[in-house]
Structures are given as C-alpha cells and as structure tokens.
Amino acid sequence: MSQSLAAAGTDTGRVAELALTGDLIRPARLTVSDLLAWPQHEAEVSFECATSGIQHHRFTGPLLHDVLSAAGPGFDPARRKDRLRFLIAVSGADGHHALLSWAEIDPDFGRAPVLLAVGIDDTSLDRAGPQLVLPQDRCGARHISGINAIRVDGSYTSWG
C-alpha cells in the first residue's frame, strides 16, 4: 500500500459512493461522509504486500458489522444460526474483490474488527472511497481500496 491508496479515484473530483445491495431490508448508497455517522474505530495495521513489502498504516472508520446491521440483513433474528449462511462480497473500483462470511464479523461468532475505513494515516478517503481493512490478516490481499459495492447474500439454497 502506498500514497496511491489515498489518492485513487480523485481524478474526477467527485465523491466516491458504495452500493449496499443483496439480502437487505434497507439497501443504500453510502459515501465516506455517511460512514462518519457510525462510531469510529482505529486500527494500527501491518501486513505483507506482494508488491511493496511490509506496510504499516493507521486506519479509522466504522465496523463493517455495524454498517451492515443497520442495513437490515435478511436473516431470521429468532434463529441464531440463520446468519451463518450469509456471505459478504466486497468489490473495489480497481476490480479487486474479497469474500467474507457473516460469522467472521458477527460479535457472537468470529468478532473480527473489520473496518470500512474512511481515513488512512490522517488522510480522508472522501473522493477515493472507503477501504476494507481486516486488521487480523497477515497478508493484505483482502484489503480492498475504493469500495464501490458490498453485497450481502444469504439466498442460495443448495450446497450441491
């Protein structure tokens, strides 16, 4: 990760927006400014980048779980295990993708402190768009810059 992470997407002068879609009661389009409405968390992160070695950054932003919970995921709240079948697909403007399970971020299960970062090293990501940050990952491969879509999916019915 380099300065280009904070600068990505700033060429047009527009504010980046991400679409929350899928099995949600309240799908939405969110900007970095919108994400500032949630409680902000900070994470000091070090991870190995295949192209530039070990990277160290400080990220701030809301927890992915908080933002997605507010969108009303379509699982049955009376059935605790129902949420275990939900997947979260995250896409970046640069074509990178990552897949997480709901259980990974749920406080009753994995409780991973995954952030939708709105700032990196005291630089706002207003125009570049939020970044997916998984502080627990040793490798930065699931770090997604300039998130433009997050899809919550629990609608598949068969494993076969």
N, C-alpha and C. Protein backbone atom coordinates (compact mmCIF):
# COMPACT_ATOMS: atom_id res chain seq x y z
N MET A 1 0.84 -1.17 0.00
CA MET A 1 0.00 0.00 0.00
C MET A 1 0.88 1.23 0.00
N SER A 2 0.47 2.22 -0.74
CA SER A 2 1.27 3.43 -0.82
C SER A 2 0.35 4.64 -0.86
N GLN A 3 0.92 5.78 -1.12
CA GLN A 3 0.14 7.00 -1.23
C GLN A 3 -0.99 6.83 -2.23
N SER A 4 -0.81 5.97 -3.23
CA SER A 4 -1.84 5.81 -4.25
C SER A 4 -3.14 5.30 -3.65
N LEU A 5 -3.09 4.63 -2.50
CA LEU A 5 -4.32 4.17 -1.86
C LEU A 5 -5.22 5.33 -1.50
N ALA A 6 -4.66 6.37 -0.94
CA ALA A 6 -5.47 7.52 -0.56
C ALA A 6 -5.83 8.38 -1.77
N ALA A 7 -5.01 8.32 -2.81
CA ALA A 7 -5.24 9.18 -3.96
C ALA A 7 -6.12 8.52 -5.03
N ALA A 8 -6.31 7.22 -4.97
CA ALA A 8 -7.07 6.52 -6.00
C ALA A 8 -8.46 7.13 -6.13
N GLY A 9 -8.89 7.35 -7.33
CA GLY A 9 -10.24 7.84 -7.58
C GLY A 9 -10.41 9.33 -7.42
N THR A 10 -9.36 10.08 -7.23
CA THR A 10 -9.52 11.52 -7.00
C THR A 10 -9.46 12.32 -8.29
N ASP A 11 -9.20 11.67 -9.41
CA ASP A 11 -9.04 12.39 -10.67
C ASP A 11 -10.30 13.16 -11.08
N THR A 12 -11.47 12.62 -10.82
CA THR A 12 -12.69 13.24 -11.31
C THR A 12 -13.21 14.34 -10.40
N GLY A 13 -12.69 14.44 -9.17
CA GLY A 13 -13.17 15.45 -8.25
C GLY A 13 -14.51 15.10 -7.63
N ARG A 14 -15.05 13.97 -7.92
CA ARG A 14 -16.35 13.56 -7.36
C ARG A 14 -16.14 12.82 -6.06
N VAL A 15 -17.21 12.70 -5.28
CA VAL A 15 -17.18 11.95 -4.05
C VAL A 15 -17.56 10.50 -4.36
N ALA A 16 -16.73 9.56 -3.94
CA ALA A 16 -16.98 8.15 -4.20
C ALA A 16 -18.18 7.66 -3.40
N GLU A 17 -18.85 6.66 -3.94
CA GLU A 17 -20.05 6.12 -3.33
C GLU A 17 -20.01 4.61 -3.42
N LEU A 18 -20.49 3.94 -2.38
CA LEU A 18 -20.58 2.48 -2.44
C LEU A 18 -22.03 2.07 -2.34
N ALA A 19 -22.37 1.00 -3.03
CA ALA A 19 -23.73 0.46 -3.03
C ALA A 19 -23.80 -0.74 -2.10
N LEU A 20 -24.71 -0.69 -1.13
CA LEU A 20 -25.02 -1.85 -0.28
C LEU A 20 -26.22 -2.53 -0.90
N THR A 21 -26.05 -3.77 -1.33
CA THR A 21 -27.12 -4.48 -2.02
C THR A 21 -27.25 -5.91 -1.48
N GLY A 22 -28.20 -6.61 -2.03
CA GLY A 22 -28.38 -8.02 -1.69
C GLY A 22 -29.56 -8.23 -0.77
N ASP A 23 -29.41 -9.20 0.12
CA ASP A 23 -30.47 -9.58 1.05
C ASP A 23 -30.51 -8.62 2.23
N LEU A 24 -30.95 -7.39 1.93
CA LEU A 24 -31.00 -6.33 2.93
C LEU A 24 -32.39 -5.68 2.92
N ILE A 25 -32.87 -5.34 4.10
CA ILE A 25 -34.15 -4.64 4.20
C ILE A 25 -33.99 -3.20 3.74
N ARG A 26 -32.83 -2.61 4.02
CA ARG A 26 -32.57 -1.21 3.68
C ARG A 26 -31.29 -1.08 2.84
N PRO A 27 -31.34 -1.49 1.56
CA PRO A 27 -30.15 -1.27 0.72
C PRO A 27 -29.88 0.23 0.66
N ALA A 28 -28.64 0.58 0.37
CA ALA A 28 -28.29 2.00 0.42
C ALA A 28 -27.12 2.31 -0.48
N ARG A 29 -26.92 3.59 -0.71
CA ARG A 29 -25.72 4.11 -1.36
C ARG A 29 -25.08 5.02 -0.32
N LEU A 30 -23.81 4.76 -0.01
CA LEU A 30 -23.13 5.48 1.07
C LEU A 30 -21.83 6.12 0.60
N THR A 31 -21.55 7.27 1.17
CA THR A 31 -20.28 7.96 0.93
C THR A 31 -19.45 7.89 2.22
N VAL A 32 -18.22 8.33 2.14
CA VAL A 32 -17.38 8.40 3.33
C VAL A 32 -18.07 9.29 4.37
N SER A 33 -18.65 10.40 3.96
CA SER A 33 -19.35 11.28 4.90
C SER A 33 -20.47 10.54 5.62
N ASP A 34 -21.21 9.71 4.89
CA ASP A 34 -22.29 8.91 5.51
C ASP A 34 -21.72 7.95 6.55
N LEU A 35 -20.57 7.36 6.25
CA LEU A 35 -19.97 6.37 7.16
C LEU A 35 -19.45 7.01 8.45
N LEU A 36 -19.28 8.32 8.45
CA LEU A 36 -18.85 9.01 9.66
C LEU A 36 -19.95 9.06 10.72
N ALA A 37 -21.19 8.72 10.35
CA ALA A 37 -22.31 8.71 11.31
C ALA A 37 -22.21 7.55 12.30
N TRP A 38 -21.47 6.50 11.95
CA TRP A 38 -21.31 5.35 12.85
C TRP A 38 -20.15 5.62 13.81
N PRO A 39 -20.12 4.92 14.94
CA PRO A 39 -18.96 5.04 15.84
C PRO A 39 -17.68 4.70 15.06
N GLN A 40 -16.66 5.52 15.27
CA GLN A 40 -15.39 5.35 14.56
C GLN A 40 -14.41 4.54 15.41
N HIS A 41 -13.71 3.64 14.75
CA HIS A 41 -12.71 2.79 15.39
C HIS A 41 -11.38 3.04 14.71
N GLU A 42 -10.31 2.78 15.42
CA GLU A 42 -8.97 2.97 14.86
C GLU A 42 -8.23 1.64 14.91
N ALA A 43 -7.45 1.38 13.87
CA ALA A 43 -6.65 0.16 13.82
C ALA A 43 -5.27 0.47 13.26
N GLU A 44 -4.25 0.08 14.01
CA GLU A 44 -2.86 0.12 13.52
C GLU A 44 -2.65 -1.22 12.83
N VAL A 45 -2.32 -1.19 11.55
CA VAL A 45 -2.25 -2.42 10.77
C VAL A 45 -0.88 -2.56 10.12
N SER A 46 -0.34 -3.77 10.21
CA SER A 46 0.89 -4.13 9.49
C SER A 46 0.58 -5.40 8.71
N PHE A 47 0.88 -5.38 7.42
CA PHE A 47 0.68 -6.59 6.63
C PHE A 47 1.65 -6.62 5.47
N GLU A 48 1.80 -7.82 4.94
CA GLU A 48 2.72 -8.02 3.83
C GLU A 48 2.00 -7.75 2.52
N CYS A 49 2.61 -6.91 1.72
CA CYS A 49 2.09 -6.58 0.40
C CYS A 49 3.01 -7.25 -0.62
N ALA A 50 2.44 -7.98 -1.57
CA ALA A 50 3.23 -8.72 -2.54
C ALA A 50 4.12 -7.80 -3.38
N THR A 51 3.69 -6.57 -3.62
CA THR A 51 4.45 -5.68 -4.50
C THR A 51 5.39 -4.72 -3.78
N SER A 52 5.10 -4.41 -2.48
CA SER A 52 5.94 -3.42 -1.82
C SER A 52 6.35 -3.78 -0.39
N GLY A 53 6.31 -5.06 -0.06
CA GLY A 53 6.80 -5.49 1.25
C GLY A 53 5.83 -5.21 2.39
N ILE A 54 6.38 -5.11 3.58
CA ILE A 54 5.55 -4.89 4.77
C ILE A 54 5.09 -3.44 4.82
N GLN A 55 3.81 -3.26 5.04
CA GLN A 55 3.19 -1.94 5.09
C GLN A 55 2.67 -1.69 6.50
N HIS A 56 2.76 -0.45 6.97
CA HIS A 56 2.24 -0.05 8.28
C HIS A 56 1.35 1.17 8.06
N HIS A 57 0.10 1.07 8.52
CA HIS A 57 -0.83 2.19 8.37
C HIS A 57 -1.77 2.25 9.57
N ARG A 58 -2.35 3.43 9.77
CA ARG A 58 -3.38 3.62 10.78
C ARG A 58 -4.67 3.97 10.05
N PHE A 59 -5.68 3.15 10.26
CA PHE A 59 -6.98 3.33 9.61
C PHE A 59 -8.02 3.74 10.64
N THR A 60 -9.00 4.54 10.21
CA THR A 60 -10.15 4.87 11.05
C THR A 60 -11.40 4.63 10.23
N GLY A 61 -12.47 4.22 10.92
CA GLY A 61 -13.75 4.02 10.26
C GLY A 61 -14.67 3.16 11.10
N PRO A 62 -15.91 3.01 10.63
CA PRO A 62 -16.86 2.17 11.36
C PRO A 62 -16.59 0.69 11.10
N LEU A 63 -17.11 -0.13 12.00
CA LEU A 63 -17.03 -1.57 11.80
C LEU A 63 -17.98 -1.98 10.68
N LEU A 64 -17.54 -2.88 9.83
CA LEU A 64 -18.37 -3.41 8.76
C LEU A 64 -19.66 -3.99 9.34
N HIS A 65 -19.56 -4.69 10.47
CA HIS A 65 -20.74 -5.30 11.10
C HIS A 65 -21.78 -4.24 11.44
N ASP A 66 -21.36 -3.10 11.99
CA ASP A 66 -22.29 -2.04 12.37
C ASP A 66 -23.04 -1.50 11.15
N VAL A 67 -22.31 -1.25 10.08
CA VAL A 67 -22.92 -0.68 8.87
C VAL A 67 -23.89 -1.68 8.24
N LEU A 68 -23.48 -2.94 8.13
CA LEU A 68 -24.35 -3.93 7.51
C LEU A 68 -25.56 -4.25 8.39
N SER A 69 -25.38 -4.25 9.70
CA SER A 69 -26.52 -4.48 10.60
C SER A 69 -27.57 -3.40 10.44
N ALA A 70 -27.13 -2.15 10.27
CA ALA A 70 -28.06 -1.04 10.08
C ALA A 70 -28.84 -1.17 8.77
N ALA A 71 -28.28 -1.87 7.79
CA ALA A 71 -28.95 -2.08 6.51
C ALA A 71 -30.00 -3.20 6.59
N GLY A 72 -30.05 -3.91 7.72
CA GLY A 72 -31.08 -4.92 7.92
C GLY A 72 -30.88 -6.19 7.12
N PRO A 73 -29.85 -6.96 7.43
CA PRO A 73 -29.66 -8.23 6.71
C PRO A 73 -30.88 -9.12 6.87
N GLY A 74 -31.19 -9.88 5.83
CA GLY A 74 -32.43 -10.65 5.78
C GLY A 74 -32.42 -11.98 6.49
N PHE A 75 -31.63 -12.12 7.54
CA PHE A 75 -31.71 -13.38 8.26
C PHE A 75 -32.77 -13.32 9.34
N ASP A 76 -33.19 -14.49 9.79
CA ASP A 76 -34.22 -14.61 10.82
C ASP A 76 -33.56 -14.38 12.18
N PRO A 77 -33.86 -13.25 12.85
CA PRO A 77 -33.21 -12.95 14.12
C PRO A 77 -33.56 -13.94 15.23
N ALA A 78 -34.65 -14.66 15.07
CA ALA A 78 -35.04 -15.66 16.08
C ALA A 78 -34.23 -16.95 15.94
N ARG A 79 -33.57 -17.11 14.80
CA ARG A 79 -32.76 -18.31 14.56
C ARG A 79 -31.30 -17.89 14.51
N ARG A 80 -30.62 -18.05 15.62
CA ARG A 80 -29.24 -17.58 15.76
C ARG A 80 -28.32 -18.08 14.64
N LYS A 81 -28.48 -19.32 14.25
CA LYS A 81 -27.59 -19.90 13.23
C LYS A 81 -27.94 -19.49 11.81
N ASP A 82 -29.10 -18.85 11.60
CA ASP A 82 -29.50 -18.47 10.25
C ASP A 82 -28.48 -17.54 9.62
N ARG A 83 -27.88 -16.66 10.40
CA ARG A 83 -26.92 -15.70 9.85
C ARG A 83 -25.62 -16.36 9.40
N LEU A 84 -25.38 -17.59 9.81
CA LEU A 84 -24.14 -18.28 9.42
C LEU A 84 -24.10 -18.62 7.93
N ARG A 85 -25.23 -18.58 7.26
CA ARG A 85 -25.25 -18.90 5.83
C ARG A 85 -25.01 -17.68 4.94
N PHE A 86 -24.86 -16.48 5.55
CA PHE A 86 -24.72 -15.25 4.77
C PHE A 86 -23.26 -14.97 4.41
N LEU A 87 -23.07 -14.57 3.16
CA LEU A 87 -21.76 -14.18 2.65
C LEU A 87 -21.76 -12.69 2.34
N ILE A 88 -20.59 -12.08 2.39
CA ILE A 88 -20.43 -10.66 2.12
C ILE A 88 -19.38 -10.53 1.02
N ALA A 89 -19.80 -10.03 -0.13
CA ALA A 89 -18.89 -9.83 -1.26
C ALA A 89 -18.58 -8.34 -1.37
N VAL A 90 -17.28 -8.00 -1.39
CA VAL A 90 -16.84 -6.61 -1.44
C VAL A 90 -16.07 -6.41 -2.74
N SER A 91 -16.43 -5.34 -3.47
CA SER A 91 -15.77 -5.03 -4.74
C SER A 91 -15.18 -3.63 -4.69
N GLY A 92 -14.01 -3.50 -5.29
CA GLY A 92 -13.35 -2.20 -5.37
C GLY A 92 -13.40 -1.64 -6.78
N ALA A 93 -13.24 -0.34 -6.88
CA ALA A 93 -13.27 0.34 -8.18
C ALA A 93 -12.15 -0.16 -9.10
N ASP A 94 -11.08 -0.71 -8.51
CA ASP A 94 -9.95 -1.19 -9.32
C ASP A 94 -10.12 -2.65 -9.75
N GLY A 95 -11.28 -3.25 -9.47
CA GLY A 95 -11.54 -4.63 -9.89
C GLY A 95 -11.18 -5.68 -8.87
N HIS A 96 -10.63 -5.31 -7.73
CA HIS A 96 -10.32 -6.28 -6.69
C HIS A 96 -11.59 -6.67 -5.94
N HIS A 97 -11.62 -7.92 -5.46
CA HIS A 97 -12.79 -8.45 -4.76
C HIS A 97 -12.33 -9.24 -3.53
N ALA A 98 -13.20 -9.31 -2.53
CA ALA A 98 -12.96 -10.16 -1.36
C ALA A 98 -14.29 -10.70 -0.90
N LEU A 99 -14.24 -11.87 -0.30
CA LEU A 99 -15.42 -12.54 0.21
C LEU A 99 -15.21 -12.84 1.68
N LEU A 100 -16.21 -12.48 2.50
CA LEU A 100 -16.18 -12.77 3.94
C LEU A 100 -17.47 -13.49 4.29
N SER A 101 -17.45 -14.17 5.42
CA SER A 101 -18.69 -14.76 5.93
C SER A 101 -19.24 -13.83 7.01
N TRP A 102 -20.57 -13.85 7.19
CA TRP A 102 -21.17 -13.05 8.25
C TRP A 102 -20.60 -13.48 9.60
N ALA A 103 -20.40 -14.77 9.79
CA ALA A 103 -19.89 -15.27 11.08
C ALA A 103 -18.54 -14.66 11.43
N GLU A 104 -17.74 -14.34 10.44
CA GLU A 104 -16.43 -13.74 10.67
C GLU A 104 -16.52 -12.41 11.42
N ILE A 105 -17.54 -11.59 11.10
CA ILE A 105 -17.66 -10.25 11.67
C ILE A 105 -18.68 -10.17 12.81
N ASP A 106 -19.47 -11.20 12.99
CA ASP A 106 -20.55 -11.19 13.99
C ASP A 106 -19.97 -11.31 15.40
N PRO A 107 -20.40 -10.42 16.32
CA PRO A 107 -19.89 -10.46 17.70
C PRO A 107 -20.16 -11.77 18.44
N ASP A 108 -21.17 -12.53 18.01
CA ASP A 108 -21.45 -13.82 18.64
C ASP A 108 -20.58 -14.95 18.11
N PHE A 109 -19.82 -14.69 17.08
CA PHE A 109 -19.00 -15.74 16.46
C PHE A 109 -17.55 -15.27 16.35
N GLY A 110 -17.07 -14.89 15.17
CA GLY A 110 -15.67 -14.53 14.98
C GLY A 110 -15.27 -13.18 15.55
N ARG A 111 -16.18 -12.26 15.58
CA ARG A 111 -15.96 -10.91 16.12
C ARG A 111 -14.73 -10.21 15.51
N ALA A 112 -14.44 -10.44 14.24
CA ALA A 112 -13.30 -9.78 13.60
C ALA A 112 -13.60 -8.28 13.47
N PRO A 113 -12.66 -7.43 13.86
CA PRO A 113 -12.88 -5.98 13.83
C PRO A 113 -12.64 -5.38 12.43
N VAL A 114 -13.40 -5.87 11.45
CA VAL A 114 -13.24 -5.43 10.07
C VAL A 114 -13.78 -4.01 9.93
N LEU A 115 -12.96 -3.13 9.35
CA LEU A 115 -13.33 -1.73 9.19
C LEU A 115 -13.73 -1.39 7.76
N LEU A 116 -14.63 -0.43 7.65
CA LEU A 116 -14.84 0.29 6.40
C LEU A 116 -14.11 1.62 6.63
N ALA A 117 -12.85 1.62 6.30
CA ALA A 117 -12.01 2.78 6.63
C ALA A 117 -12.42 4.01 5.84
N VAL A 118 -12.52 5.12 6.56
CA VAL A 118 -12.82 6.42 5.95
C VAL A 118 -11.59 7.32 5.97
N GLY A 119 -10.53 6.83 6.63
CA GLY A 119 -9.29 7.58 6.69
C GLY A 119 -8.10 6.64 6.81
N ILE A 120 -6.99 7.05 6.21
CA ILE A 120 -5.74 6.30 6.30
C ILE A 120 -4.63 7.30 6.64
N ASP A 121 -3.92 7.03 7.73
CA ASP A 121 -2.80 7.88 8.13
C ASP A 121 -3.17 9.37 8.11
N ASP A 122 -4.30 9.69 8.73
CA ASP A 122 -4.79 11.07 8.84
C ASP A 122 -5.19 11.70 7.51
N THR A 123 -5.40 10.89 6.48
CA THR A 123 -5.87 11.38 5.19
C THR A 123 -7.28 10.86 4.95
N SER A 124 -8.21 11.76 4.65
CA SER A 124 -9.60 11.37 4.38
C SER A 124 -9.69 10.63 3.05
N LEU A 125 -10.60 9.69 2.99
CA LEU A 125 -10.82 8.93 1.77
C LEU A 125 -12.11 9.37 1.06
N ASP A 126 -12.52 10.62 1.27
CA ASP A 126 -13.76 11.14 0.68
C ASP A 126 -13.91 10.82 -0.79
N ARG A 127 -12.92 11.19 -1.58
CA ARG A 127 -13.04 11.02 -3.03
C ARG A 127 -12.58 9.65 -3.50
N ALA A 128 -11.68 9.02 -2.78
CA ALA A 128 -11.19 7.70 -3.17
C ALA A 128 -12.19 6.61 -2.81
N GLY A 129 -12.98 6.84 -1.77
CA GLY A 129 -13.93 5.84 -1.31
C GLY A 129 -13.36 5.04 -0.16
N PRO A 130 -14.24 4.42 0.61
CA PRO A 130 -13.80 3.66 1.78
C PRO A 130 -12.96 2.44 1.39
N GLN A 131 -12.23 1.94 2.38
CA GLN A 131 -11.38 0.78 2.17
C GLN A 131 -11.78 -0.32 3.15
N LEU A 132 -11.75 -1.55 2.68
CA LEU A 132 -11.98 -2.71 3.55
C LEU A 132 -10.66 -3.03 4.23
N VAL A 133 -10.68 -3.06 5.56
CA VAL A 133 -9.46 -3.31 6.33
C VAL A 133 -9.73 -4.46 7.30
N LEU A 134 -8.94 -5.51 7.18
CA LEU A 134 -9.03 -6.67 8.05
C LEU A 134 -7.76 -6.72 8.89
N PRO A 135 -7.76 -6.05 10.06
CA PRO A 135 -6.54 -5.94 10.87
C PRO A 135 -5.94 -7.28 11.25
N GLN A 136 -6.74 -8.33 11.30
CA GLN A 136 -6.26 -9.63 11.71
C GLN A 136 -5.52 -10.38 10.61
N ASP A 137 -5.62 -9.94 9.36
CA ASP A 137 -4.96 -10.63 8.24
C ASP A 137 -3.48 -10.26 8.21
N ARG A 138 -2.62 -11.26 8.09
CA ARG A 138 -1.19 -11.04 7.96
C ARG A 138 -0.84 -10.53 6.56
N CYS A 139 -1.58 -11.03 5.57
CA CYS A 139 -1.38 -10.63 4.18
C CYS A 139 -2.44 -9.60 3.82
N GLY A 140 -2.10 -8.62 3.02
CA GLY A 140 -3.04 -7.56 2.66
C GLY A 140 -3.94 -7.88 1.48
N ALA A 141 -4.02 -9.15 1.08
CA ALA A 141 -4.77 -9.50 -0.13
C ALA A 141 -6.27 -9.18 -0.04
N ARG A 142 -6.86 -9.22 1.15
CA ARG A 142 -8.29 -8.91 1.28
C ARG A 142 -8.54 -7.43 1.54
N HIS A 143 -7.50 -6.63 1.55
CA HIS A 143 -7.66 -5.19 1.67
C HIS A 143 -8.19 -4.68 0.32
N ILE A 144 -9.34 -4.03 0.34
CA ILE A 144 -9.95 -3.53 -0.89
C ILE A 144 -10.01 -2.01 -0.82
N SER A 145 -9.42 -1.35 -1.80
CA SER A 145 -9.44 0.12 -1.88
C SER A 145 -10.59 0.57 -2.75
N GLY A 146 -11.10 1.76 -2.46
CA GLY A 146 -12.15 2.35 -3.29
C GLY A 146 -13.36 1.45 -3.42
N ILE A 147 -13.88 0.98 -2.30
CA ILE A 147 -15.04 0.07 -2.34
C ILE A 147 -16.18 0.76 -3.08
N ASN A 148 -16.72 0.06 -4.09
CA ASN A 148 -17.88 0.60 -4.80
C ASN A 148 -19.12 -0.26 -4.61
N ALA A 149 -18.97 -1.48 -4.06
CA ALA A 149 -20.13 -2.34 -3.85
C ALA A 149 -19.87 -3.34 -2.74
N ILE A 150 -20.89 -3.53 -1.92
CA ILE A 150 -20.90 -4.61 -0.93
C ILE A 150 -22.23 -5.32 -1.09
N ARG A 151 -22.17 -6.62 -1.32
CA ARG A 151 -23.38 -7.42 -1.49
C ARG A 151 -23.46 -8.44 -0.37
N VAL A 152 -24.59 -8.46 0.32
CA VAL A 152 -24.86 -9.43 1.38
C VAL A 152 -25.75 -10.49 0.76
N ASP A 153 -25.34 -11.75 0.83
CA ASP A 153 -26.07 -12.82 0.14
C ASP A 153 -26.32 -14.01 1.05
N GLY A 154 -27.57 -14.29 1.30
CA GLY A 154 -27.96 -15.48 2.04
C GLY A 154 -29.02 -16.25 1.28
N SER A 155 -29.16 -15.95 -0.01
CA SER A 155 -30.28 -16.50 -0.77
C SER A 155 -30.02 -17.84 -1.44
N TYR A 156 -28.78 -18.30 -1.45
CA TYR A 156 -28.55 -19.61 -2.08
C TYR A 156 -29.17 -20.69 -1.18
N THR A 157 -29.66 -21.73 -1.79
CA THR A 157 -30.42 -22.74 -1.05
C THR A 157 -29.79 -24.12 -1.08
N SER A 158 -28.77 -24.32 -1.88
CA SER A 158 -28.20 -25.65 -2.01
C SER A 158 -26.68 -25.61 -1.95
N TRP A 159 -26.09 -26.60 -1.34
CA TRP A 159 -24.64 -26.72 -1.27
C TRP A 159 -24.13 -27.62 -2.39
N GLY A 160 -25.02 -28.28 -3.09
CA GLY A 160 -24.61 -29.26 -4.09
C GLY A 160 -24.54 -28.78 -5.47
